[in-house]
C-alpha cells in the first residue's frame, strides 16, 4: 500500500453448501467458523462475525484491498472444503456451491449486520435460505437471473 492510503471496507459474504444440502452440523460448526476466521485473518483481512445454518454460511469481514473478494472466496471455499473432508466432519463428501453473495456494509450498519449474522437460527424459523438470499439481493438492488442462483437441493 502507498502512504496516505486509508480504507475501511466491510463485506457481508453469503454462500451455500452444494445443492443446499444440510451438511453443516451444529456439533462442529464452531470449528468451521474458527477455521474460516483463520483463513480470513491469515489473508490480511479481519474476521468480524461468522455464523452458519446447516445449508449456508454468513461472514462479515473487514476487507484488505490488497486481495480481491473473488481471490479470498476461492481460498475460503477451497481450504474449508479440504478441512471438512480431511477431518471427516460429514458422512458424505462436502463441497460448497459455486458463486456467492458479497454485500458492502457501511460502518454505521456493522452492529446491525453482526447481530443479523449471530441470530441466523432465529431468522430461519420463518425464512428459508432461498428467500433470505433473494431478499439480500433485492435490498442491495442487485440484478440477478433466477436460473443461475441456486442448484436444486438434493
N, C-alpha and C. Protein backbone atom coordinates (compact mmCIF):
# COMPACT_ATOMS: atom_id res chain seq x y z
N UNK A 1 0.83 -1.19 0.00
CA UNK A 1 0.00 0.00 0.00
C UNK A 1 0.87 1.25 0.00
N UNK A 2 0.37 2.27 -0.61
CA UNK A 2 1.09 3.53 -0.67
C UNK A 2 0.80 4.35 0.58
N UNK A 3 1.73 5.23 0.96
CA UNK A 3 1.45 6.13 2.08
C UNK A 3 0.21 6.96 1.81
N UNK A 4 -0.49 7.32 2.84
CA UNK A 4 -1.69 8.14 2.75
C UNK A 4 -2.84 7.46 2.05
N UNK A 5 -2.85 6.14 2.07
CA UNK A 5 -3.98 5.37 1.54
C UNK A 5 -4.70 4.78 2.74
N UNK A 6 -5.94 5.15 2.91
CA UNK A 6 -6.73 4.68 4.04
C UNK A 6 -8.02 4.07 3.53
N UNK A 7 -8.35 2.92 4.06
CA UNK A 7 -9.58 2.27 3.64
C UNK A 7 -10.33 1.73 4.85
N UNK A 8 -11.62 1.61 4.70
CA UNK A 8 -12.46 0.93 5.67
C UNK A 8 -13.55 0.25 4.85
N UNK A 9 -13.31 -1.02 4.53
CA UNK A 9 -14.19 -1.77 3.65
C UNK A 9 -14.74 -2.97 4.41
N UNK A 10 -16.04 -3.02 4.57
CA UNK A 10 -16.68 -4.14 5.26
C UNK A 10 -17.59 -4.87 4.28
N UNK A 11 -17.47 -6.19 4.28
CA UNK A 11 -18.20 -7.01 3.34
C UNK A 11 -18.95 -8.11 4.08
N UNK A 12 -20.21 -8.32 3.70
CA UNK A 12 -21.04 -9.41 4.20
C UNK A 12 -21.07 -10.46 3.09
N UNK A 13 -20.51 -11.64 3.36
CA UNK A 13 -20.47 -12.73 2.40
C UNK A 13 -21.51 -13.78 2.76
N UNK A 14 -22.15 -14.34 1.75
CA UNK A 14 -23.14 -15.40 1.96
C UNK A 14 -22.93 -16.43 0.86
N UNK A 15 -22.83 -17.70 1.26
CA UNK A 15 -22.73 -18.76 0.26
C UNK A 15 -23.27 -20.06 0.83
N UNK A 16 -23.57 -21.00 -0.07
CA UNK A 16 -24.30 -22.21 0.31
C UNK A 16 -23.50 -23.47 0.08
N UNK A 17 -23.91 -24.51 0.78
CA UNK A 17 -23.40 -25.86 0.55
C UNK A 17 -23.94 -26.30 -0.81
N UNK A 18 -23.15 -27.07 -1.55
CA UNK A 18 -23.59 -27.54 -2.87
C UNK A 18 -24.94 -28.24 -2.76
N UNK A 19 -25.82 -27.92 -3.67
CA UNK A 19 -27.20 -28.40 -3.71
C UNK A 19 -27.98 -28.03 -2.45
N UNK A 20 -27.46 -27.05 -1.69
CA UNK A 20 -28.09 -26.59 -0.45
C UNK A 20 -28.36 -27.75 0.50
N UNK A 21 -27.48 -28.73 0.49
CA UNK A 21 -27.62 -29.88 1.38
C UNK A 21 -27.35 -29.42 2.81
N UNK A 22 -28.07 -29.96 3.74
CA UNK A 22 -27.91 -29.62 5.15
C UNK A 22 -26.80 -30.45 5.76
N UNK A 23 -25.55 -30.04 5.50
CA UNK A 23 -24.39 -30.82 5.94
C UNK A 23 -23.62 -30.18 7.09
N UNK A 24 -23.82 -28.89 7.32
CA UNK A 24 -23.09 -28.22 8.40
C UNK A 24 -23.82 -28.49 9.71
N UNK A 25 -23.18 -29.26 10.56
CA UNK A 25 -23.79 -29.68 11.82
C UNK A 25 -23.49 -28.69 12.94
N UNK A 26 -24.47 -28.49 13.80
CA UNK A 26 -24.25 -27.65 14.98
C UNK A 26 -23.22 -28.28 15.92
N UNK A 27 -22.92 -29.57 15.74
CA UNK A 27 -21.91 -30.25 16.56
C UNK A 27 -20.50 -29.78 16.23
N UNK A 28 -20.27 -29.31 15.00
CA UNK A 28 -18.91 -28.91 14.63
C UNK A 28 -18.85 -27.56 13.90
N UNK A 29 -19.95 -26.86 13.80
CA UNK A 29 -19.91 -25.60 13.04
C UNK A 29 -18.98 -24.55 13.65
N UNK A 30 -18.82 -24.56 14.98
CA UNK A 30 -17.90 -23.59 15.60
C UNK A 30 -16.46 -23.84 15.17
N UNK A 31 -16.09 -25.10 14.97
CA UNK A 31 -14.75 -25.42 14.44
C UNK A 31 -14.59 -24.84 13.05
N UNK A 32 -15.63 -24.97 12.23
CA UNK A 32 -15.61 -24.42 10.88
C UNK A 32 -15.49 -22.90 10.91
N UNK A 33 -16.28 -22.27 11.76
CA UNK A 33 -16.24 -20.80 11.85
C UNK A 33 -14.83 -20.33 12.24
N UNK A 34 -14.24 -21.00 13.22
CA UNK A 34 -12.89 -20.63 13.67
C UNK A 34 -11.88 -20.85 12.55
N UNK A 35 -12.02 -21.95 11.83
CA UNK A 35 -11.10 -22.25 10.73
C UNK A 35 -11.21 -21.19 9.63
N UNK A 36 -12.43 -20.86 9.24
CA UNK A 36 -12.64 -19.84 8.21
C UNK A 36 -12.14 -18.48 8.70
N UNK A 37 -12.37 -18.17 9.97
CA UNK A 37 -11.84 -16.92 10.53
C UNK A 37 -10.32 -16.86 10.40
N UNK A 38 -9.66 -18.00 10.61
CA UNK A 38 -8.20 -18.07 10.44
C UNK A 38 -7.79 -17.83 9.00
N UNK A 39 -8.52 -18.39 8.05
CA UNK A 39 -8.23 -18.16 6.63
C UNK A 39 -8.33 -16.67 6.32
N UNK A 40 -9.39 -16.05 6.80
CA UNK A 40 -9.61 -14.62 6.55
C UNK A 40 -8.46 -13.79 7.14
N UNK A 41 -8.17 -14.04 8.41
CA UNK A 41 -7.12 -13.27 9.09
C UNK A 41 -5.74 -13.53 8.48
N UNK A 42 -5.45 -14.78 8.11
CA UNK A 42 -4.16 -15.11 7.51
C UNK A 42 -3.98 -14.50 6.13
N UNK A 43 -5.07 -14.10 5.50
CA UNK A 43 -5.00 -13.43 4.20
C UNK A 43 -4.99 -11.90 4.35
N UNK A 44 -4.84 -11.42 5.58
CA UNK A 44 -4.69 -9.98 5.80
C UNK A 44 -5.98 -9.22 6.00
N UNK A 45 -7.09 -9.94 6.17
CA UNK A 45 -8.38 -9.30 6.40
C UNK A 45 -8.73 -9.43 7.88
N UNK A 46 -9.87 -8.92 8.28
CA UNK A 46 -10.31 -9.03 9.67
C UNK A 46 -11.66 -9.72 9.73
N UNK A 47 -11.67 -10.88 10.37
CA UNK A 47 -12.92 -11.62 10.57
C UNK A 47 -13.71 -10.95 11.68
N UNK A 48 -14.94 -10.54 11.40
CA UNK A 48 -15.75 -9.83 12.38
C UNK A 48 -16.91 -10.66 12.93
N UNK A 49 -17.54 -11.47 12.08
CA UNK A 49 -18.66 -12.32 12.52
C UNK A 49 -18.82 -13.46 11.52
N UNK A 50 -19.03 -14.66 12.04
CA UNK A 50 -19.29 -15.83 11.19
C UNK A 50 -20.36 -16.65 11.88
N UNK A 51 -21.35 -17.08 11.10
CA UNK A 51 -22.36 -17.99 11.62
C UNK A 51 -22.92 -18.78 10.45
N UNK A 52 -23.36 -19.99 10.75
CA UNK A 52 -23.88 -20.83 9.67
C UNK A 52 -25.17 -21.51 10.08
N UNK A 53 -25.87 -21.90 9.07
CA UNK A 53 -27.01 -22.79 9.18
C UNK A 53 -26.57 -24.09 8.52
N UNK A 54 -27.34 -25.15 8.60
CA UNK A 54 -26.89 -26.41 8.01
C UNK A 54 -26.59 -26.33 6.51
N UNK A 55 -27.22 -25.40 5.79
CA UNK A 55 -27.03 -25.35 4.33
C UNK A 55 -26.32 -24.10 3.80
N UNK A 56 -25.93 -23.16 4.67
CA UNK A 56 -25.26 -21.96 4.20
C UNK A 56 -24.51 -21.26 5.33
N UNK A 57 -23.73 -20.24 4.94
CA UNK A 57 -22.91 -19.52 5.91
C UNK A 57 -22.92 -18.03 5.61
N UNK A 58 -22.80 -17.24 6.68
CA UNK A 58 -22.68 -15.78 6.60
C UNK A 58 -21.37 -15.37 7.24
N UNK A 59 -20.68 -14.44 6.60
CA UNK A 59 -19.41 -13.93 7.12
C UNK A 59 -19.43 -12.41 7.00
N UNK A 60 -19.00 -11.72 8.05
CA UNK A 60 -18.77 -10.28 7.99
C UNK A 60 -17.28 -10.08 8.20
N UNK A 61 -16.66 -9.33 7.30
CA UNK A 61 -15.22 -9.12 7.42
C UNK A 61 -14.83 -7.72 7.04
N UNK A 62 -13.68 -7.31 7.57
CA UNK A 62 -13.03 -6.09 7.14
C UNK A 62 -12.07 -6.47 6.03
N UNK A 63 -12.28 -5.92 4.85
CA UNK A 63 -11.53 -6.32 3.66
C UNK A 63 -10.26 -5.49 3.49
N UNK A 64 -9.14 -6.17 3.31
CA UNK A 64 -7.89 -5.53 2.94
C UNK A 64 -7.88 -5.42 1.42
N UNK A 65 -7.76 -4.22 0.87
CA UNK A 65 -7.87 -4.06 -0.58
C UNK A 65 -6.72 -4.68 -1.38
N UNK A 66 -5.74 -5.24 -0.71
CA UNK A 66 -4.63 -5.89 -1.43
C UNK A 66 -5.07 -7.20 -2.08
N UNK A 67 -6.20 -7.75 -1.65
CA UNK A 67 -6.69 -9.01 -2.20
C UNK A 67 -8.13 -8.83 -2.63
N UNK A 68 -8.47 -9.35 -3.79
CA UNK A 68 -9.84 -9.23 -4.28
C UNK A 68 -10.77 -10.16 -3.49
N UNK A 69 -12.04 -9.82 -3.50
CA UNK A 69 -13.04 -10.66 -2.85
C UNK A 69 -13.06 -12.04 -3.51
N UNK A 70 -12.98 -12.08 -4.83
CA UNK A 70 -13.03 -13.38 -5.52
C UNK A 70 -11.85 -14.26 -5.16
N UNK A 71 -10.66 -13.68 -5.02
CA UNK A 71 -9.50 -14.48 -4.60
C UNK A 71 -9.68 -14.99 -3.17
N UNK A 72 -10.16 -14.14 -2.28
CA UNK A 72 -10.40 -14.56 -0.90
C UNK A 72 -11.45 -15.67 -0.86
N UNK A 73 -12.53 -15.52 -1.62
CA UNK A 73 -13.57 -16.54 -1.63
C UNK A 73 -13.03 -17.87 -2.13
N UNK A 74 -12.16 -17.84 -3.12
CA UNK A 74 -11.57 -19.07 -3.63
C UNK A 74 -10.78 -19.77 -2.51
N UNK A 75 -10.01 -19.00 -1.73
CA UNK A 75 -9.26 -19.58 -0.60
C UNK A 75 -10.19 -20.13 0.47
N UNK A 76 -11.21 -19.35 0.83
CA UNK A 76 -12.14 -19.78 1.88
C UNK A 76 -12.81 -21.08 1.49
N UNK A 77 -13.37 -21.14 0.29
CA UNK A 77 -14.10 -22.34 -0.13
C UNK A 77 -13.17 -23.54 -0.27
N UNK A 78 -12.04 -23.35 -0.92
CA UNK A 78 -11.12 -24.47 -1.15
C UNK A 78 -10.58 -25.00 0.18
N UNK A 79 -10.04 -24.11 1.00
CA UNK A 79 -9.40 -24.55 2.24
C UNK A 79 -10.40 -25.12 3.24
N UNK A 80 -11.59 -24.51 3.34
CA UNK A 80 -12.57 -25.03 4.30
C UNK A 80 -13.15 -26.37 3.82
N UNK A 81 -13.27 -26.55 2.51
CA UNK A 81 -13.72 -27.84 1.97
C UNK A 81 -12.69 -28.93 2.32
N UNK A 82 -11.42 -28.63 2.11
CA UNK A 82 -10.37 -29.59 2.45
C UNK A 82 -10.40 -29.92 3.94
N UNK A 83 -10.58 -28.90 4.78
CA UNK A 83 -10.65 -29.09 6.23
C UNK A 83 -11.81 -30.01 6.61
N UNK A 84 -12.99 -29.73 6.11
CA UNK A 84 -14.18 -30.52 6.45
C UNK A 84 -14.01 -31.97 6.01
N UNK A 85 -13.50 -32.17 4.80
CA UNK A 85 -13.34 -33.53 4.29
C UNK A 85 -12.19 -34.27 4.98
N UNK A 86 -11.08 -33.58 5.24
CA UNK A 86 -9.94 -34.21 5.91
C UNK A 86 -10.31 -34.64 7.33
N UNK A 87 -11.07 -33.78 8.02
CA UNK A 87 -11.48 -34.07 9.40
C UNK A 87 -12.67 -35.02 9.45
N UNK A 88 -13.22 -35.37 8.27
CA UNK A 88 -14.38 -36.27 8.18
C UNK A 88 -15.55 -35.77 9.04
N UNK A 89 -15.83 -34.48 8.91
CA UNK A 89 -16.89 -33.86 9.70
C UNK A 89 -18.29 -34.22 9.18
N UNK A 90 -18.36 -34.66 7.93
CA UNK A 90 -19.63 -35.11 7.36
C UNK A 90 -19.48 -36.56 6.91
N UNK A 91 -20.59 -37.26 6.84
CA UNK A 91 -20.54 -38.66 6.40
C UNK A 91 -20.44 -38.77 4.89
N UNK A 92 -20.72 -37.68 4.16
CA UNK A 92 -20.57 -37.68 2.71
C UNK A 92 -19.58 -36.58 2.33
N UNK A 93 -19.17 -36.61 1.07
CA UNK A 93 -18.21 -35.61 0.58
C UNK A 93 -18.83 -34.22 0.64
N UNK A 94 -18.10 -33.26 1.19
CA UNK A 94 -18.57 -31.89 1.34
C UNK A 94 -18.02 -31.03 0.21
N UNK A 95 -18.87 -30.13 -0.28
CA UNK A 95 -18.44 -29.15 -1.28
C UNK A 95 -19.37 -27.93 -1.19
N UNK A 96 -18.79 -26.75 -1.39
CA UNK A 96 -19.59 -25.52 -1.46
C UNK A 96 -20.17 -25.37 -2.86
N UNK A 97 -21.32 -24.74 -2.93
CA UNK A 97 -21.94 -24.42 -4.21
C UNK A 97 -21.14 -23.31 -4.89
N UNK A 98 -21.12 -23.29 -6.21
CA UNK A 98 -20.45 -22.21 -6.92
C UNK A 98 -21.16 -20.89 -6.63
N UNK A 99 -20.40 -19.82 -6.70
CA UNK A 99 -20.96 -18.49 -6.52
C UNK A 99 -21.08 -18.09 -5.05
N UNK A 100 -21.43 -16.84 -4.85
CA UNK A 100 -21.57 -16.27 -3.51
C UNK A 100 -22.21 -14.89 -3.64
N UNK A 101 -22.67 -14.38 -2.52
CA UNK A 101 -23.13 -13.00 -2.45
C UNK A 101 -22.13 -12.21 -1.64
N UNK A 102 -21.79 -11.02 -2.11
CA UNK A 102 -20.89 -10.13 -1.38
C UNK A 102 -21.55 -8.76 -1.34
N UNK A 103 -21.84 -8.31 -0.14
CA UNK A 103 -22.61 -7.07 0.05
C UNK A 103 -21.79 -6.10 0.89
N UNK A 104 -21.65 -4.88 0.42
CA UNK A 104 -20.92 -3.87 1.18
C UNK A 104 -21.74 -3.43 2.39
N UNK A 105 -21.05 -3.15 3.46
CA UNK A 105 -21.69 -2.75 4.72
C UNK A 105 -21.04 -1.46 5.19
N UNK A 106 -21.85 -0.45 5.44
CA UNK A 106 -21.30 0.81 5.96
C UNK A 106 -20.93 0.64 7.43
N UNK A 107 -19.99 1.46 7.87
CA UNK A 107 -19.55 1.40 9.26
C UNK A 107 -20.73 1.57 10.23
N UNK A 108 -21.67 2.42 9.86
CA UNK A 108 -22.82 2.67 10.75
C UNK A 108 -23.75 1.46 10.85
N UNK A 109 -23.65 0.49 9.93
CA UNK A 109 -24.50 -0.70 9.98
C UNK A 109 -23.79 -1.96 10.46
N UNK A 110 -22.55 -1.84 10.92
CA UNK A 110 -21.80 -3.02 11.35
C UNK A 110 -22.50 -3.78 12.47
N UNK A 111 -22.99 -3.07 13.47
CA UNK A 111 -23.63 -3.77 14.60
C UNK A 111 -24.93 -4.44 14.16
N UNK A 112 -25.66 -3.83 13.25
CA UNK A 112 -26.90 -4.44 12.74
C UNK A 112 -26.61 -5.72 11.98
N UNK A 113 -25.61 -5.69 11.09
CA UNK A 113 -25.27 -6.88 10.31
C UNK A 113 -24.66 -7.95 11.21
N UNK A 114 -23.84 -7.56 12.17
CA UNK A 114 -23.27 -8.52 13.12
C UNK A 114 -24.39 -9.22 13.88
N UNK A 115 -25.35 -8.48 14.36
CA UNK A 115 -26.49 -9.05 15.07
C UNK A 115 -27.29 -9.97 14.16
N UNK A 116 -27.49 -9.56 12.93
CA UNK A 116 -28.21 -10.38 11.95
C UNK A 116 -27.51 -11.72 11.76
N UNK A 117 -26.20 -11.68 11.61
CA UNK A 117 -25.43 -12.91 11.41
C UNK A 117 -25.49 -13.79 12.66
N UNK A 118 -25.34 -13.21 13.83
CA UNK A 118 -25.36 -14.00 15.06
C UNK A 118 -26.74 -14.60 15.36
N UNK A 119 -27.79 -14.04 14.78
CA UNK A 119 -29.15 -14.51 15.03
C UNK A 119 -29.73 -15.31 13.86
N UNK A 120 -28.90 -15.99 13.12
CA UNK A 120 -29.36 -16.77 11.98
C UNK A 120 -30.42 -17.80 12.34
N UNK A 121 -30.21 -18.52 13.42
CA UNK A 121 -31.18 -19.56 13.80
C UNK A 121 -32.57 -18.96 14.00
N UNK A 122 -32.64 -17.80 14.59
CA UNK A 122 -33.92 -17.13 14.81
C UNK A 122 -34.57 -16.74 13.48
N UNK A 123 -33.80 -16.18 12.55
CA UNK A 123 -34.34 -15.77 11.26
C UNK A 123 -34.92 -16.95 10.49
N UNK A 124 -34.24 -18.08 10.59
CA UNK A 124 -34.63 -19.21 9.76
C UNK A 124 -35.75 -20.06 10.35
N UNK A 125 -36.32 -19.63 11.46
CA UNK A 125 -37.55 -20.27 11.94
C UNK A 125 -38.71 -19.94 11.02
N UNK A 126 -38.62 -18.79 10.34
CA UNK A 126 -39.71 -18.36 9.48
C UNK A 126 -39.27 -17.93 8.07
N UNK A 127 -37.99 -18.13 7.74
CA UNK A 127 -37.47 -17.66 6.46
C UNK A 127 -36.52 -18.70 5.88
N UNK A 128 -36.77 -19.14 4.66
CA UNK A 128 -35.87 -20.10 4.01
C UNK A 128 -34.61 -19.38 3.56
N UNK A 129 -33.54 -20.15 3.35
CA UNK A 129 -32.31 -19.55 2.84
C UNK A 129 -32.54 -18.90 1.49
N UNK A 130 -33.28 -19.55 0.62
CA UNK A 130 -33.54 -19.01 -0.72
C UNK A 130 -34.22 -17.64 -0.61
N UNK A 131 -35.23 -17.53 0.23
CA UNK A 131 -35.92 -16.25 0.40
C UNK A 131 -35.03 -15.21 1.07
N UNK A 132 -34.20 -15.66 2.01
CA UNK A 132 -33.26 -14.74 2.65
C UNK A 132 -32.29 -14.17 1.61
N UNK A 133 -31.74 -15.04 0.79
CA UNK A 133 -30.76 -14.63 -0.21
C UNK A 133 -31.39 -13.70 -1.25
N UNK A 134 -32.59 -14.05 -1.73
CA UNK A 134 -33.29 -13.18 -2.67
C UNK A 134 -33.55 -11.81 -2.05
N UNK A 135 -33.91 -11.80 -0.77
CA UNK A 135 -34.13 -10.54 -0.07
C UNK A 135 -32.87 -9.68 0.00
N UNK A 136 -31.72 -10.32 0.24
CA UNK A 136 -30.46 -9.58 0.27
C UNK A 136 -30.13 -9.00 -1.10
N UNK A 137 -30.33 -9.78 -2.14
CA UNK A 137 -30.08 -9.28 -3.49
C UNK A 137 -30.98 -8.09 -3.81
N UNK A 138 -32.25 -8.20 -3.45
CA UNK A 138 -33.20 -7.13 -3.71
C UNK A 138 -32.89 -5.89 -2.87
N UNK A 139 -32.57 -6.09 -1.60
CA UNK A 139 -32.25 -4.97 -0.71
C UNK A 139 -31.06 -4.17 -1.22
N UNK A 140 -30.10 -4.88 -1.82
CA UNK A 140 -28.89 -4.22 -2.33
C UNK A 140 -29.01 -3.86 -3.81
N UNK A 141 -30.23 -4.02 -4.35
CA UNK A 141 -30.53 -3.63 -5.73
C UNK A 141 -29.59 -4.30 -6.73
N UNK A 142 -29.39 -5.61 -6.54
CA UNK A 142 -28.53 -6.39 -7.41
C UNK A 142 -29.39 -7.16 -8.40
N UNK A 143 -29.12 -6.96 -9.67
CA UNK A 143 -29.84 -7.70 -10.71
C UNK A 143 -29.35 -9.14 -10.71
N UNK A 144 -30.27 -10.07 -10.93
CA UNK A 144 -29.91 -11.49 -10.94
C UNK A 144 -30.82 -12.24 -11.89
N UNK A 145 -30.39 -13.42 -12.25
CA UNK A 145 -31.17 -14.32 -13.09
C UNK A 145 -31.49 -15.55 -12.25
N UNK A 146 -32.77 -15.82 -12.06
CA UNK A 146 -33.19 -16.94 -11.22
C UNK A 146 -32.51 -18.25 -11.58
N UNK A 147 -32.33 -18.50 -12.87
CA UNK A 147 -31.78 -19.77 -13.33
C UNK A 147 -30.36 -20.00 -12.82
N UNK A 148 -29.64 -18.93 -12.47
CA UNK A 148 -28.26 -19.06 -12.04
C UNK A 148 -28.05 -18.91 -10.54
N UNK A 149 -29.12 -18.74 -9.80
CA UNK A 149 -28.98 -18.52 -8.36
C UNK A 149 -28.66 -19.77 -7.58
N UNK A 150 -29.43 -20.82 -7.78
CA UNK A 150 -29.31 -21.98 -6.93
C UNK A 150 -29.32 -23.27 -7.73
N UNK A 151 -28.52 -24.21 -7.30
CA UNK A 151 -28.64 -25.56 -7.81
C UNK A 151 -29.71 -26.21 -6.98
N UNK A 152 -30.55 -26.99 -7.61
CA UNK A 152 -31.66 -27.60 -6.89
C UNK A 152 -31.17 -28.47 -5.74
N UNK A 153 -31.85 -28.40 -4.60
CA UNK A 153 -31.48 -29.25 -3.47
C UNK A 153 -31.66 -30.73 -3.83
N UNK A 154 -30.80 -31.55 -3.20
CA UNK A 154 -30.97 -33.00 -3.37
C UNK A 154 -31.14 -33.65 -2.02
